[in-house]
Every structure is written in structure tokens, then in C-alpha cells.
Amino acid sequence: MFGILVSALYTVLGFVARSVLVKFVLFFAVWFVAVEFLPVLVSHLPGSSVLLGAWASMPPGVAYLLNLFQVPTGLSMALAALVTRFSIRRIPLIG
């Protein structure tokens, strides 16, 4: 009788150690990166003043054609799609 209880206890402890503990560490690491590392990374990215300066230095004819073909809207949509795809691929069990 005592052997059955010890075997059941070892089985439960093995399950907790192998799956639950590993998933907890993995999800904690993902949470920690999202909460602590991303703000540091965002602070090192260039601001919008760089893009505005580049847009202002363009000749008027080029700026007119880019606006005519909606290039700024397309670039912002493409960038948002790339960031979303990158974020989704970092989610465990999905990407």
C-alpha cells in the first residue's frame, strides 16, 4: 500500500517538475522581456523627427508622387504588419 502511494507521489512530482515548472519559467521569461526589455529597446529607436526631416528634404515633385500613390500609408501598414508578425511569432505555442 505504501509503495503505491510513493509511486503516485513521484508521478505527480515528476509531472510538475517536467511540464508545469518548465512552462512557468518559459512564460515568466516572455513576460519579463515584454515588460522590462522592450521599453529599453524602444528608447533606443530613432524618433519621428528623423522621418519628418527626410520627408521635408525631398523635392516637391517626388513628395507629390509619393502622396499620389499613397506610399506613406502603405509603408505604415507594412511596418505595422511586420511588427505584428514579429510579436505573434514570439508567443509560445503559436509561432
Protein backbone atom coordinates (compact mmCIF):
# COMPACT_ATOMS: atom_id res chain seq x y z
CA MET A 1 0.00 0.00 0.00
CA PHE A 2 2.78 2.40 0.93
CA GLY A 3 4.61 1.65 -2.34
CA ILE A 4 1.58 2.63 -4.40
CA LEU A 5 1.30 5.98 -2.62
CA VAL A 6 5.02 6.71 -3.07
CA SER A 7 4.78 5.78 -6.76
CA ALA A 8 1.78 8.09 -7.22
CA LEU A 9 3.60 10.90 -5.40
CA TYR A 10 6.67 10.51 -7.62
CA THR A 11 4.47 10.51 -10.70
CA VAL A 12 2.77 13.75 -9.67
CA LEU A 13 6.07 15.39 -8.70
CA GLY A 14 7.63 14.29 -12.00
CA PHE A 15 4.74 15.81 -13.94
CA VAL A 16 5.01 19.09 -12.02
CA ALA A 17 8.78 19.25 -12.44
CA ARG A 18 8.77 18.39 -16.15
CA SER A 19 5.84 20.33 -17.52
CA VAL A 20 4.42 22.87 -15.09
CA LEU A 21 7.74 24.22 -13.85
CA VAL A 22 9.23 24.44 -17.34
CA LYS A 23 6.17 26.27 -18.70
CA PHE A 24 6.22 28.65 -15.74
CA VAL A 25 9.88 29.54 -16.39
CA LEU A 26 9.22 29.97 -20.12
CA PHE A 27 6.18 32.21 -19.66
CA PHE A 28 7.96 34.23 -16.97
CA ALA A 29 10.84 34.84 -19.38
CA VAL A 30 8.43 36.01 -22.11
CA TRP A 31 6.64 38.29 -19.65
CA PHE A 32 9.93 39.69 -18.35
CA VAL A 33 11.14 40.50 -21.85
CA ALA A 34 7.83 42.17 -22.70
CA VAL A 35 7.73 44.26 -19.54
CA GLU A 36 11.37 45.14 -18.91
CA PHE A 37 13.35 44.80 -22.13
CA LEU A 38 11.00 46.29 -24.71
CA PRO A 39 10.85 49.78 -23.10
CA VAL A 40 14.65 49.88 -23.10
CA LEU A 41 14.69 48.84 -26.74
CA VAL A 42 12.07 51.42 -27.71
CA SER A 43 14.05 54.19 -26.02
CA HIS A 44 16.98 53.49 -28.37
CA LEU A 45 14.91 53.69 -31.56
CA PRO A 46 15.01 56.92 -33.57
CA GLY A 47 12.13 59.33 -33.15
CA SER A 48 9.73 60.63 -35.73
CA SER A 49 11.82 63.77 -36.25
CA VAL A 50 14.25 61.76 -38.39
CA LEU A 51 11.46 60.70 -40.74
CA LEU A 52 9.97 64.18 -40.85
CA GLY A 53 13.38 65.62 -41.71
CA ALA A 54 13.83 63.11 -44.52
CA TRP A 55 10.34 63.87 -45.85
CA ALA A 56 10.99 67.63 -45.76
CA SER A 57 14.26 67.30 -47.66
CA MET A 58 12.54 65.61 -50.63
CA PRO A 59 11.93 67.60 -53.79
CA PRO A 60 8.29 68.71 -54.16
CA GLY A 61 7.72 66.60 -57.29
CA VAL A 62 8.81 63.40 -55.56
CA ALA A 63 6.72 64.18 -52.49
CA TYR A 64 3.70 64.83 -54.70
CA LEU A 65 4.06 61.47 -56.50
CA LEU A 66 4.61 59.59 -53.24
CA ASN A 67 1.45 61.16 -51.82
CA LEU A 68 -0.43 60.46 -55.03
CA PHE A 69 0.38 56.74 -54.82
CA GLN A 70 -0.28 56.68 -51.05
CA VAL A 71 3.24 55.46 -50.24
CA PRO A 72 3.25 56.82 -46.64
CA THR A 73 0.02 54.93 -45.87
CA GLY A 74 1.37 51.76 -47.45
CA LEU A 75 4.64 52.00 -45.53
CA SER A 76 2.87 52.46 -42.21
CA MET A 77 0.59 49.47 -42.92
CA ALA A 78 3.55 47.29 -43.94
CA LEU A 79 5.52 48.27 -40.86
CA ALA A 80 2.56 47.56 -38.58
CA ALA A 81 2.09 44.16 -40.23
CA LEU A 82 5.77 43.29 -39.76
CA VAL A 83 5.74 44.30 -36.09
CA THR A 84 2.55 42.30 -35.52
CA ARG A 85 4.00 39.23 -37.24
CA PHE A 86 7.20 39.52 -35.19
CA SER A 87 5.19 39.79 -31.95
CA ILE A 88 2.93 36.85 -32.75
CA ARG A 89 5.89 34.63 -33.59
CA ARG A 90 7.30 35.26 -30.11
CA ILE A 91 4.20 33.85 -28.39
CA PRO A 92 4.90 30.27 -27.29
CA LEU A 93 2.74 27.53 -28.84
CA ILE A 94 1.64 29.84 -31.69
CA GLY A 95 4.79 30.93 -33.53
